[in-house]
PDB file of N, CA and C in Angstrom:
ATOM      1  N   MET A   1     148.349 100.304  53.059  1.00  0.00           N
ATOM      2  CA  MET A   1     148.307 101.683  51.768  1.00  0.00           C
ATOM      3  C   MET A   1     146.946 102.823  52.522  1.00  0.00           C
ATOM      4  N   LYS A   2     146.083 102.637  52.702  1.00  0.00           N
ATOM      5  CA  LYS A   2     145.027 103.917  52.954  1.00  0.00           C
ATOM      6  C   LYS A   2     146.343 104.702  54.039  1.00  0.00           C
ATOM      7  N   THR A   3     146.565 104.015  54.730  1.00  0.00           N
ATOM      8  CA  THR A   3     147.261 104.251  56.202  1.00  0.00           C
ATOM      9  C   THR A   3     148.700 105.297  55.712  1.00  0.00           C
ATOM     10  N   SER A   4     149.388 104.723  54.329  1.00  0.00           N
ATOM     11  CA  SER A   4     150.536 105.208  54.592  1.00  0.00           C
ATOM     12  C   SER A   4     150.213 106.732  53.173  1.00  0.00           C
ATOM     13  N   LEU A   5     149.341 106.564  52.399  1.00  0.00           N
ATOM     14  CA  LEU A   5     148.866 107.625  51.264  1.00  0.00           C
ATOM     15  C   LEU A   5     148.424 108.739  52.155  1.00  0.00           C
ATOM     16  N   ILE A   6     147.554 108.827  53.326  1.00  0.00           N
ATOM     17  CA  ILE A   6     146.999 109.685  54.268  1.00  0.00           C
ATOM     18  C   ILE A   6     147.673 110.617  54.858  1.00  0.00           C
ATOM     19  N   ASN A   7     149.153 109.790  55.123  1.00  0.00           N
ATOM     20  CA  ASN A   7     150.057 109.995  56.261  1.00  0.00           C
ATOM     21  C   ASN A   7     150.715 111.362  55.018  1.00  0.00           C
ATOM     22  N   GLN A   8     150.318 113.044  55.923  1.00  0.00           N
ATOM     23  CA  GLN A   8     150.884 113.827  54.855  1.00  0.00           C
ATOM     24  C   GLN A   8     152.524 114.183  55.353  1.00  0.00           C
ATOM     25  N   ASP A   9     153.193 113.058  56.074  1.00  0.00           N
ATOM     26  CA  ASP A   9     154.478 113.227  55.932  1.00  0.00           C
ATOM     27  C   ASP A   9     155.320 112.708  54.907  1.00  0.00           C
ATOM     28  N   PHE A  10     154.457 111.264  54.436  1.00  0.00           N
ATOM     29  CA  PHE A  10     155.018 110.634  53.158  1.00  0.00           C
ATOM     30  C   PHE A  10     154.114 111.050  52.135  1.00  0.00           C
ATOM     31  N   ILE A  11     152.793 111.826  51.419  1.00  0.00           N
ATOM     32  CA  ILE A  11     152.759 111.886  50.847  1.00  0.00           C
ATOM     33  C   ILE A  11     151.595 113.458  50.992  1.00  0.00           C
ATOM     34  N   ALA A  12     152.107 114.797  50.596  1.00  0.00           N
ATOM     35  CA  ALA A  12     151.132 115.339  50.816  1.00  0.00           C
ATOM     36  C   ALA A  12     150.243 115.961  50.227  1.00  0.00           C
ATOM     37  N   GLY A  13     148.804 116.263  50.766  1.00  0.00           N
ATOM     38  CA  GLY A  13     147.346 116.105  49.947  1.00  0.00           C
ATOM     39  C   GLY A  13     146.332 114.872  49.223  1.00  0.00           C
ATOM     40  N   ILE A  14     146.921 114.274  49.603  1.00  0.00           N
ATOM     41  CA  ILE A  14     146.106 113.059  49.991  1.00  0.00           C
ATOM     42  C   ILE A  14     145.033 112.796  51.143  1.00  0.00           C
ATOM     43  N   GLY A  15     144.133 112.505  51.183  1.00  0.00           N
ATOM     44  CA  GLY A  15     143.111 112.627  52.369  1.00  0.00           C
ATOM     45  C   GLY A  15     142.321 111.538  51.869  1.00  0.00           C
ATOM     46  N   ASN A  16     140.882 110.593  52.896  1.00  0.00           N
ATOM     47  CA  ASN A  16     140.684 109.634  52.871  1.00  0.00           C
ATOM     48  C   ASN A  16     140.025 109.183  51.646  1.00  0.00           C
ATOM     49  N   CYS A  17     139.514 110.664  50.721  1.00  0.00           N
ATOM     50  CA  CYS A  17     138.406 110.417  49.615  1.00  0.00           C
ATOM     51  C   CYS A  17     139.513 109.776  48.610  1.00  0.00           C
ATOM     52  N   TYR A  18     140.138 110.379  48.359  1.00  0.00           N
ATOM     53  CA  TYR A  18     141.614 110.195  47.253  1.00  0.00           C
ATOM     54  C   TYR A  18     141.987 108.701  47.580  1.00  0.00           C
ATOM     55  N   ALA A  19     142.792 108.606  48.792  1.00  0.00           N
ATOM     56  CA  ALA A  19     143.738 107.623  48.800  1.00  0.00           C
ATOM     57  C   ALA A  19     141.717 106.231  48.783  1.00  0.00           C
ATOM     58  N   ASP A  20     141.203 106.015  48.938  1.00  0.00           N
ATOM     59  CA  ASP A  20     140.135 105.073  48.388  1.00  0.00           C
ATOM     60  C   ASP A  20     140.431 104.994  47.006  1.00  0.00           C
ATOM     61  N   GLU A  21     140.039 105.697  46.470  1.00  0.00           N
ATOM     62  CA  GLU A  21     140.032 106.465  45.180  1.00  0.00           C
ATOM     63  C   GLU A  21     141.010 105.720  44.520  1.00  0.00           C
ATOM     64  N   ILE A  22     142.127 106.306  44.907  1.00  0.00           N
ATOM     65  CA  ILE A  22     143.319 105.699  44.219  1.00  0.00           C
ATOM     66  C   ILE A  22     143.655 104.248  44.506  1.00  0.00           C
ATOM     67  N   CYS A  23     143.373 103.575  45.382  1.00  0.00           N
ATOM     68  CA  CYS A  23     143.611 101.643  45.709  1.00  0.00           C
ATOM     69  C   CYS A  23     142.421 101.414  44.665  1.00  0.00           C
ATOM     70  N   PHE A  24     141.116 101.866  44.357  1.00  0.00           N
ATOM     71  CA  PHE A  24     140.529 101.341  43.824  1.00  0.00           C
ATOM     72  C   PHE A  24     140.624 101.499  42.274  1.00  0.00           C
ATOM     73  N   SER A  25     141.441 102.421  41.729  1.00  0.00           N
ATOM     74  CA  SER A  25     141.759 102.949  40.810  1.00  0.00           C
ATOM     75  C   SER A  25     142.834 102.144  39.976  1.00  0.00           C
ATOM     76  N   ALA A  26     144.000 102.027  41.134  1.00  0.00           N
ATOM     77  CA  ALA A  26     144.853 100.430  41.127  1.00  0.00           C
ATOM     78  C   ALA A  26     144.769  98.798  41.268  1.00  0.00           C
ATOM     79  N   GLN A  27     143.126  99.080  41.510  1.00  0.00           N
ATOM     80  CA  GLN A  27     143.040  97.295  41.817  1.00  0.00           C
ATOM     81  C   GLN A  27     143.782  96.796  43.161  1.00  0.00           C
ATOM     82  N   LEU A  28     143.891  98.119  44.103  1.00  0.00           N
ATOM     83  CA  LEU A  28     144.652  97.257  45.320  1.00  0.00           C
ATOM     84  C   LEU A  28     143.923  96.922  46.337  1.00  0.00           C
ATOM     85  N   LEU A  29     144.015  96.245  46.850  1.00  0.00           N
ATOM     86  CA  LEU A  29     143.024  96.952  48.607  1.00  0.00           C
ATOM     87  C   LEU A  29     143.783  97.656  49.591  1.00  0.00           C
ATOM     88  N   PRO A  30     143.265  98.475  49.660  1.00  0.00           N
ATOM     89  CA  PRO A  30     143.713  99.550  50.828  1.00  0.00           C
ATOM     90  C   PRO A  30     144.079  99.400  52.406  1.00  0.00           C
ATOM     91  N   LEU A  31     143.980  97.633  52.153  1.00  0.00           N
ATOM     92  CA  LEU A  31     144.473  97.153  53.603  1.00  0.00           C
ATOM     93  C   LEU A  31     145.619  96.568  53.558  1.00  0.00           C
ATOM     94  N   LYS A  32     146.469  96.965  52.164  1.00  0.00           N
ATOM     95  CA  LYS A  32     147.516  95.963  51.623  1.00  0.00           C
ATOM     96  C   LYS A  32     148.603  96.691  52.601  1.00  0.00           C
ATOM     97  N   LYS A  33     149.652  96.519  52.681  1.00  0.00           N
ATOM     98  CA  LYS A  33     150.886  97.313  53.539  1.00  0.00           C
ATOM     99  C   LYS A  33     151.416  97.731  52.255  1.00  0.00           C
ATOM    100  N   GLY A  34     152.142  98.736  52.070  1.00  0.00           N
ATOM    101  CA  GLY A  34     153.248  99.576  50.967  1.00  0.00           C
ATOM    102  C   GLY A  34     154.256  98.244  50.740  1.00  0.00           C
ATOM    103  N   LYS A  35     154.991  98.030  52.197  1.00  0.00           N
ATOM    104  CA  LYS A  35     156.183  97.401  52.380  1.00  0.00           C
ATOM    105  C   LYS A  35     155.871  96.001  51.051  1.00  0.00           C
ATOM    106  N   ASP A  36     154.474  95.488  51.152  1.00  0.00           N
ATOM    107  CA  ASP A  36     153.921  94.052  50.393  1.00  0.00           C
ATOM    108  C   ASP A  36     153.886  94.267  48.860  1.00  0.00           C
ATOM    109  N   LEU A  37     154.262  95.394  48.154  1.00  0.00           N
ATOM    110  CA  LEU A  37     153.529  95.553  47.140  1.00  0.00           C
ATOM    111  C   LEU A  37     154.677  95.448  45.856  1.00  0.00           C
ATOM    112  N   THR A  38     154.474  94.639  45.095  1.00  0.00           N
ATOM    113  CA  THR A  38     155.217  94.075  44.276  1.00  0.00           C
ATOM    114  C   THR A  38     155.698  95.425  43.074  1.00  0.00           C
ATOM    115  N   LEU A  39     156.458  95.402  41.860  1.00  0.00           N
ATOM    116  CA  LEU A  39     156.593  96.407  41.717  1.00  0.00           C
ATOM    117  C   LEU A  39     156.136  96.513  40.730  1.00  0.00           C
ATOM    118  N   THR A  40     154.947  95.896  39.992  1.00  0.00           N
ATOM    119  CA  THR A  40     154.059  96.099  39.239  1.00  0.00           C
ATOM    120  C   THR A  40     153.262  97.157  40.069  1.00  0.00           C
ATOM    121  N   GLU A  41     152.561  96.481  41.680  1.00  0.00           N
ATOM    122  CA  GLU A  41     152.028  97.130  42.032  1.00  0.00           C
ATOM    123  C   GLU A  41     152.267  98.747  42.420  1.00  0.00           C
ATOM    124  N   LYS A  42     153.494  98.690  42.652  1.00  0.00           N
ATOM    125  CA  LYS A  42     153.955 100.249  42.649  1.00  0.00           C
ATOM    126  C   LYS A  42     153.985 100.840  41.580  1.00  0.00           C
ATOM    127  N   LYS A  43     153.798 100.154  40.561  1.00  0.00           N
ATOM    128  CA  LYS A  43     153.594 101.267  39.141  1.00  0.00           C
ATOM    129  C   LYS A  43     152.231 101.716  38.975  1.00  0.00           C
ATOM    130  N   LYS A  44     150.987 100.607  39.251  1.00  0.00           N
ATOM    131  CA  LYS A  44     150.177 100.679  38.673  1.00  0.00           C
ATOM    132  C   LYS A  44     149.636 102.065  40.211  1.00  0.00           C
ATOM    133  N   LEU A  45     150.171 101.680  41.300  1.00  0.00           N
ATOM    134  CA  LEU A  45     149.466 102.834  42.785  1.00  0.00           C
ATOM    135  C   LEU A  45     150.278 104.389  42.078  1.00  0.00           C
ATOM    136  N   TYR A  46     151.516 104.494  41.251  1.00  0.00           N
ATOM    137  CA  TYR A  46     152.042 105.534  41.267  1.00  0.00           C
ATOM    138  C   TYR A  46     151.373 106.526  39.926  1.00  0.00           C
ATOM    139  N   LYS A  47     150.599 105.306  38.944  1.00  0.00           N
ATOM    140  CA  LYS A  47     149.431 105.802  37.788  1.00  0.00           C
ATOM    141  C   LYS A  47     148.458 106.417  38.228  1.00  0.00           C
ATOM    142  N   ALA A  48     148.396 105.911  39.580  1.00  0.00           N
ATOM    143  CA  ALA A  48     146.393 105.347  40.037  1.00  0.00           C
ATOM    144  C   ALA A  48     146.580 107.044  40.733  1.00  0.00           C
ATOM    145  N   ILE A  49     147.469 107.520  41.638  1.00  0.00           N
ATOM    146  CA  ILE A  49     147.842 108.975  41.908  1.00  0.00           C
ATOM    147  C   ILE A  49     147.826 110.042  40.994  1.00  0.00           C
ATOM    148  N   GLN A  50     148.493 109.692  39.781  1.00  0.00           N
ATOM    149  CA  GLN A  50     148.408 110.533  38.808  1.00  0.00           C
ATOM    150  C   GLN A  50     147.123 111.114  38.541  1.00  0.00           C
ATOM    151  N   ASP A  51     146.804 109.982  38.120  1.00  0.00           N
ATOM    152  CA  ASP A  51     145.227 109.936  37.274  1.00  0.00           C
ATOM    153  C   ASP A  51     143.970 110.335  38.514  1.00  0.00           C
ATOM    154  N   VAL A  52     144.253 109.839  39.823  1.00  0.00           N
ATOM    155  CA  VAL A  52     143.082 110.549  40.652  1.00  0.00           C
ATOM    156  C   VAL A  52     142.840 111.545  41.080  1.00  0.00           C
ATOM    157  N   LEU A  53     144.097 112.459  40.931  1.00  0.00           N
ATOM    158  CA  LEU A  53     144.531 113.691  41.443  1.00  0.00           C
ATOM    159  C   LEU A  53     144.262 114.845  40.051  1.00  0.00           C
ATOM    160  N   LEU A  54     144.812 114.355  39.153  1.00  0.00           N
ATOM    161  CA  LEU A  54     144.094 115.221  38.209  1.00  0.00           C
ATOM    162  C   LEU A  54     142.736 115.579  37.491  1.00  0.00           C
ATOM    163  N   GLU A  55     141.924 114.069  37.470  1.00  0.00           N
ATOM    164  CA  GLU A  55     140.475 114.515  37.168  1.00  0.00           C
ATOM    165  C   GLU A  55     140.183 114.925  38.501  1.00  0.00           C
ATOM    166  N   ALA A  56     140.625 114.717  40.136  1.00  0.00           N
ATOM    167  CA  ALA A  56     139.744 115.908  41.000  1.00  0.00           C
ATOM    168  C   ALA A  56     140.115 116.809  40.783  1.00  0.00           C
ATOM    169  N   ILE A  57     140.952 117.371  40.500  1.00  0.00           N
ATOM    170  CA  ILE A  57     141.425 118.942  39.691  1.00  0.00           C
ATOM    171  C   ILE A  57     140.411 119.317  38.662  1.00  0.00           C
ATOM    172  N   ASP A  58     140.578 118.469  38.062  1.00  0.00           N
ATOM    173  CA  ASP A  58     139.228 119.196  36.568  1.00  0.00           C
ATOM    174  C   ASP A  58     138.425 119.396  37.355  1.00  0.00           C
ATOM    175  N   TYR A  59     137.712 119.076  37.978  1.00  0.00           N
ATOM    176  CA  TYR A  59     136.219 118.636  38.583  1.00  0.00           C
ATOM    177  C   TYR A  59     136.092 119.236  39.847  1.00  0.00           C
ATOM    178  N   GLY A  60     137.058 119.936  40.476  1.00  0.00           N
ATOM    179  CA  GLY A  60     137.374 120.879  41.745  1.00  0.00           C
ATOM    180  C   GLY A  60     136.967 120.585  42.863  1.00  0.00           C
ATOM    181  N   GLY A  61     137.876 119.289  42.948  1.00  0.00           N
ATOM    182  CA  GLY A  61     138.071 118.573  43.807  1.00  0.00           C
ATOM    183  C   GLY A  61     137.052 117.990  44.753  1.00  0.00           C
ATOM    184  N   TYR A  62     137.200 117.066  46.055  1.00  0.00           N
ATOM    185  CA  TYR A  62     136.265 116.901  47.153  1.00  0.00           C
ATOM    186  C   TYR A  62     136.217 117.798  47.894  1.00  0.00           C
ATOM    187  N   MET A  63     135.462 118.659  48.408  1.00  0.00           N
ATOM    188  CA  MET A  63     135.016 119.626  49.046  1.00  0.00           C
ATOM    189  C   MET A  63     133.766 119.899  49.404  1.00  0.00           C
ATOM    190  N   GLU A  64     133.287 119.976  50.183  1.00  0.00           N
ATOM    191  CA  GLU A  64     132.016 120.052  50.994  1.00  0.00           C
ATOM    192  C   GLU A  64     131.363 121.393  50.501  1.00  0.00           C
ATOM    193  N   HIS A  65     132.198 122.421  50.305  1.00  0.00           N
ATOM    194  CA  HIS A  65     130.961 123.876  50.699  1.00  0.00           C
ATOM    195  C   HIS A  65     131.875 124.625  49.320  1.00  0.00           C
ATOM    196  N   PRO A  66     131.066 125.505  48.298  1.00  0.00           N
ATOM    197  CA  PRO A  66     132.055 126.286  47.558  1.00  0.00           C
ATOM    198  C   PRO A  66     132.863 127.478  47.996  1.00  0.00           C
ATOM    199  N   LEU A  67     133.716 127.848  47.012  1.00  0.00           N
ATOM    200  CA  LEU A  67     134.489 128.416  47.440  1.00  0.00           C
ATOM    201  C   LEU A  67     134.318 130.024  47.547  1.00  0.00           C
ATOM    202  N   PHE A  68     133.045 130.444  46.870  1.00  0.00           N
ATOM    203  CA  PHE A  68     132.860 131.726  46.897  1.00  0.00           C
ATOM    204  C   PHE A  68     131.618 131.604  46.207  1.00  0.00           C
ATOM    205  N   GLY A  69     130.520 132.796  46.071  1.00  0.00           N
ATOM    206  CA  GLY A  69     129.163 132.772  45.898  1.00  0.00           C
ATOM    207  C   GLY A  69     128.995 132.788  44.140  1.00  0.00           C
ATOM    208  N   GLY A  70     128.181 131.555  43.871  1.00  0.00           N
ATOM    209  CA  GLY A  70     128.375 131.077  42.086  1.00  0.00           C
ATOM    210  C   GLY A  70     129.280 130.171  41.866  1.00  0.00           C
ATOM    211  N   ASP A  71     130.234 129.905  43.111  1.00  0.00           N
ATOM    212  CA  ASP A  71     131.181 128.519  42.160  1.00  0.00           C
ATOM    213  C   ASP A  71     130.332 127.454  42.525  1.00  0.00           C
ATOM    214  N   THR A  72     130.630 126.829  40.722  1.00  0.00           N
ATOM    215  CA  THR A  72     129.126 125.232  40.493  1.00  0.00           C
ATOM    216  C   THR A  72     130.632 124.928  40.258  1.00  0.00           C
ATOM    217  N   ILE A  73     131.568 124.791  40.251  1.00  0.00           N
ATOM    218  CA  ILE A  73     132.486 123.865  40.294  1.00  0.00           C
ATOM    219  C   ILE A  73     133.642 123.115  41.339  1.00  0.00           C
ATOM    220  N   THR A  74     133.517 124.094  42.241  1.00  0.00           N
ATOM    221  CA  THR A  74     134.321 123.420  43.938  1.00  0.00           C
ATOM    222  C   THR A  74     133.407 122.229  44.026  1.00  0.00           C
ATOM    223  N   GLY A  75     134.326 120.887  44.221  1.00  0.00           N
ATOM    224  CA  GLY A  75     133.760 119.729  44.936  1.00  0.00           C
ATOM    225  C   GLY A  75     132.568 118.906  43.819  1.00  0.00           C
ATOM    226  N   SER A  76     132.699 119.369  42.669  1.00  0.00           N
ATOM    227  CA  SER A  76     132.039 118.391  41.670  1.00  0.00           C
ATOM    228  C   SER A  76     132.810 116.977  41.733  1.00  0.00           C
ATOM    229  N   TYR A  77     134.076 116.480  42.188  1.00  0.00           N
ATOM    230  CA  TYR A  77     134.642 115.194  42.380  1.00  0.00           C
ATOM    231  C   TYR A  77     133.993 114.238  43.185  1.00  0.00           C
ATOM    232  N   GLY A  78     132.743 114.688  43.740  1.00  0.00           N
ATOM    233  CA  GLY A  78     132.438 113.899  44.681  1.00  0.00           C
ATOM    234  C   GLY A  78     131.499 112.680  44.262  1.00  0.00           C
ATOM    235  N   SER A  79     130.688 113.344  43.182  1.00  0.00           N
ATOM    236  CA  SER A  79     129.663 112.839  41.961  1.00  0.00           C
ATOM    237  C   SER A  79     130.465 111.470  41.432  1.00  0.00           C
ATOM    238  N   LEU A  80     131.593 111.538  41.255  1.00  0.00           N
ATOM    239  CA  LEU A  80     132.614 110.878  40.547  1.00  0.00           C
ATOM    240  C   LEU A  80     132.682 109.916  40.890  1.00  0.00           C
ATOM    241  N   CYS A  81     133.223 109.857  42.791  1.00  0.00           N
ATOM    242  CA  CYS A  81     134.119 108.329  43.241  1.00  0.00           C
ATOM    243  C   CYS A  81     133.122 106.919  42.884  1.00  0.00           C
ATOM    244  N   LYS A  82     133.947 106.455  42.573  1.00  0.00           N
ATOM    245  CA  LYS A  82     133.802 104.830  42.473  1.00  0.00           C
ATOM    246  C   LYS A  82     133.184 104.346  43.921  1.00  0.00           C
ATOM    247  N   VAL A  83     134.395 104.306  45.114  1.00  0.00           N
ATOM    248  CA  VAL A  83     133.355 103.705  46.089  1.00  0.00           C
ATOM    249  C   VAL A  83     133.617 104.490  47.657  1.00  0.00           C
ATOM    250  N   TYR A  84     134.328 105.538  47.544  1.00  0.00           N
ATOM    251  CA  TYR A  84     134.603 106.259  48.355  1.00  0.00           C
ATOM    252  C   TYR A  84     133.276 106.946  48.906  1.00  0.00           C
ATOM    253  N   ASP A  85     132.279 106.798  50.174  1.00  0.00           N
ATOM    254  CA  ASP A  85     131.448 106.923  50.837  1.00  0.00           C
ATOM    255  C   ASP A  85     129.900 106.034  50.108  1.00  0.00           C
ATOM    256  N   ARG A  86     130.420 104.861  49.293  1.00  0.00           N
ATOM    257  CA  ARG A  86     129.283 104.592  48.781  1.00  0.00           C
ATOM    258  C   ARG A  86     129.375 103.324  49.252  1.00  0.00           C
ATOM    259  N   SER A  87     129.263 102.783  50.587  1.00  0.00           N
ATOM    260  CA  SER A  87     128.838 101.430  51.248  1.00  0.00           C
ATOM    261  C   SER A  87     128.040 101.181  50.734  1.00  0.00           C
ATOM    262  N   GLY A  88     127.679  99.468  50.362  1.00  0.00           N
ATOM    263  CA  GLY A  88     126.373  98.906  50.153  1.00  0.00           C
ATOM    264  C   GLY A  88     126.163  99.050  48.418  1.00  0.00           C
ATOM    265  N   GLU A  89     126.844 100.033  47.823  1.00  0.00           N
ATOM    266  CA  GLU A  89     126.283 100.380  46.482  1.00  0.00           C
ATOM    267  C   GLU A  89     127.169  99.754  45.270  1.00  0.00           C
ATOM    268  N   PRO A  90     126.704  99.055  44.424  1.00  0.00           N
ATOM    269  CA  PRO A  90     127.213  98.593  43.409  1.00  0.00           C
ATOM    270  C   PRO A  90     128.717  98.429  43.545  1.00  0.00           C
ATOM    271  N   CYS A  91     129.911  97.786  42.543  1.00  0.00           N
ATOM    272  CA  CYS A  91     130.998  98.632  42.612  1.00  0.00           C
ATOM    273  C   CYS A  91     130.443  98.841  40.970  1.00  0.00           C
ATOM    274  N   HIS A  92     131.561  99.730  40.636  1.00  0.00           N
ATOM    275  CA  HIS A  92     131.517 100.003  39.017  1.00  0.00           C
ATOM    276  C   HIS A  92     132.236  99.031  38.287  1.00  0.00           C
ATOM    277  N   ARG A  93     132.974  99.120  39.093  1.00  0.00           N
ATOM    278  CA  ARG A  93     133.935  97.408  38.267  1.00  0.00           C
ATOM    279  C   ARG A  93     133.153  96.413  37.656  1.00  0.00           C
ATOM    280  N   CYS A  94     132.983  95.804  39.080  1.00  0.00           N
ATOM    281  CA  CYS A  94     132.223  94.782  38.932  1.00  0.00           C
ATOM    282  C   CYS A  94     130.982  94.177  39.184  1.00  0.00           C
ATOM    283  N   GLY A  95     130.451  95.145  39.777  1.00  0.00           N
ATOM    284  CA  GLY A  95     128.778  94.705  40.501  1.00  0.00           C
ATOM    285  C   GLY A  95     129.227  94.429  41.766  1.00  0.00           C
ATOM    286  N   HIS A  96     129.836  93.963  42.187  1.00  0.00           N
ATOM    287  CA  HIS A  96     130.025  93.465  43.651  1.00  0.00           C
ATOM    288  C   HIS A  96     129.376  94.978  44.566  1.00  0.00           C
ATOM    289  N   ARG A  97     129.143  94.280  46.032  1.00  0.00           N
ATOM    290  CA  ARG A  97     129.222  95.510  46.607  1.00  0.00           C
ATOM    291  C   ARG A  97     130.268  95.953  47.546  1.00  0.00           C
ATOM    292  N   VAL A  98     130.007  97.698  47.292  1.00  0.00           N
ATOM    293  CA  VAL A  98     131.012  98.321  48.068  1.00  0.00           C
ATOM    294  C   VAL A  98     131.611  98.426  49.628  1.00  0.00           C
ATOM    295  N   ILE A  99     132.215  97.249  50.067  1.00  0.00           N
ATOM    296  CA  ILE A  99     132.503  97.541  51.644  1.00  0.00           C
ATOM    297  C   ILE A  99     133.605  98.743  52.303  1.00  0.00           C
ATOM    298  N   GLN A 100     132.232  98.464  53.319  1.00  0.00           N
ATOM    299  CA  GLN A 100     133.029 100.019  54.381  1.00  0.00           C
ATOM    300  C   GLN A 100     133.816  99.410  55.654  1.00  0.00           C
ATOM    301  N   GLU A 101     135.134  99.599  56.189  1.00  0.00           N
ATOM    302  CA  GLU A 101     135.899  99.061  57.556  1.00  0.00           C
ATOM    303  C   GLU A 101     136.539 100.307  58.186  1.00  0.00           C
ATOM    304  N   LYS A 102     136.939 100.236  59.404  1.00  0.00           N
ATOM    305  CA  LYS A 102     137.598 101.183  59.739  1.00  0.00           C
ATOM    306  C   LYS A 102     138.994 100.402  60.015  1.00  0.00           C
ATOM    307  N   VAL A 103     139.708 101.702  59.645  1.00  0.00           N
ATOM    308  CA  VAL A 103     141.196 101.560  59.376  1.00  0.00           C
ATOM    309  C   VAL A 103     141.889 102.764  60.454  1.00  0.00           C
ATOM    310  N   SER A 104     143.211 102.379  61.613  1.00  0.00           N
ATOM    311  CA  SER A 104     143.264 103.113  62.296  1.00  0.00           C
ATOM    312  C   SER A 104     142.321 104.393  62.698  1.00  0.00           C
ATOM    313  N   GLY A 105     140.963 104.373  63.163  1.00  0.00           N
ATOM    314  CA  GLY A 105     140.314 104.933  63.173  1.00  0.00           C
ATOM    315  C   GLY A 105     139.711 105.736  61.805  1.00  0.00           C
ATOM    316  N   ARG A 106     139.861 104.922  60.646  1.00  0.00           N
ATOM    317  CA  ARG A 106     138.830 106.380  59.592  1.00  0.00           C
ATOM    318  C   ARG A 106     138.501 104.721  59.039  1.00  0.00           C
ATOM    319  N   LYS A 107     137.518 105.724  58.124  1.00  0.00           N
ATOM    320  CA  LYS A 107     136.850 104.695  57.266  1.00  0.00           C
ATOM    321  C   LYS A 107     137.583 104.651  55.586  1.00  0.00           C
ATOM    322  N   VAL A 108     136.780 103.545  55.286  1.00  0.00           N
ATOM    323  CA  VAL A 108     138.041 103.329  54.368  1.00  0.00           C
ATOM    324  C   VAL A 108     136.643 102.210  53.466  1.00  0.00           C
ATOM    325  N   PHE A 109     136.718 102.603  52.333  1.00  0.00           N
ATOM    326  CA  PHE A 109     135.582 102.096  51.475  1.00  0.00           C
ATOM    327  C   PHE A 109     136.493 101.436  50.252  1.00  0.00           C
ATOM    328  N   TYR A 110     136.020  99.954  49.750  1.00  0.00           N
ATOM    329  CA  TYR A 110     136.625  98.847  48.622  1.00  0.00           C
ATOM    330  C   TYR A 110     135.818  97.689  48.002  1.00  0.00           C
ATOM    331  N   CYS A 111     135.999  97.678  46.795  1.00  0.00           N
ATOM    332  CA  CYS A 111     135.789  96.494  46.654  1.00  0.00           C
ATOM    333  C   CYS A 111     136.193  95.033  46.761  1.00  0.00           C
ATOM    334  N   LYS A 112     135.648  94.313  47.153  1.00  0.00           N
ATOM    335  CA  LYS A 112     136.562  92.987  47.553  1.00  0.00           C
ATOM    336  C   LYS A 112     136.861  91.945  46.351  1.00  0.00           C
ATOM    337  N   ASN A 113     135.664  92.340  45.736  1.00  0.00           N
ATOM    338  CA  ASN A 113     136.438  91.441  44.577  1.00  0.00           C
ATOM    339  C   ASN A 113     137.172  92.170  43.657  1.00  0.00           C
ATOM    340  N   CYS A 114     137.474  93.220  43.731  1.00  0.00           N
ATOM    341  CA  CYS A 114     138.273  93.564  42.618  1.00  0.00           C
ATOM    342  C   CYS A 114     139.462  93.987  42.741  1.00  0.00           C
ATOM    343  N   GLN A 115     140.042  94.352  44.176  1.00  0.00           N
ATOM    344  CA  GLN A 115     141.179  94.799  44.950  1.00  0.00           C
ATOM    345  C   GLN A 115     141.683  94.235  45.195  1.00  0.00           C
ATOM    346  N   HIS A 116     143.003  93.955  45.173  1.00  0.00           N
ATOM    347  CA  HIS A 116     143.271  92.796  46.108  1.00  0.00           C
ATOM    348  C   HIS A 116     144.616  93.049  46.302  1.00  0.00           C
TER     349      HIS A 116
END
């Protein structure tokens, strides 16, 4: 899933952070292959893409630096991440530890207990 979600030829605008958060929201393991998704899982993924990206827009996205002096909104989504960059912390949903692995040379964060 993660590799497909960050592929800008497949769908533009989703990077590492959003891909992990989308998979968490959809309760899907980011290591799962897109071709193996059931219709129900595809629907959950579609809804999660919309939900996560709309929330990220509301909170200024996941950016490290403000766009201009005095900008207090840009980058505020980072503090709302449930799994991204939270290795070893408790899962917001079930309390198990968030895991970090590498997939195609990129970090991936997920909860092994509640993402299938």
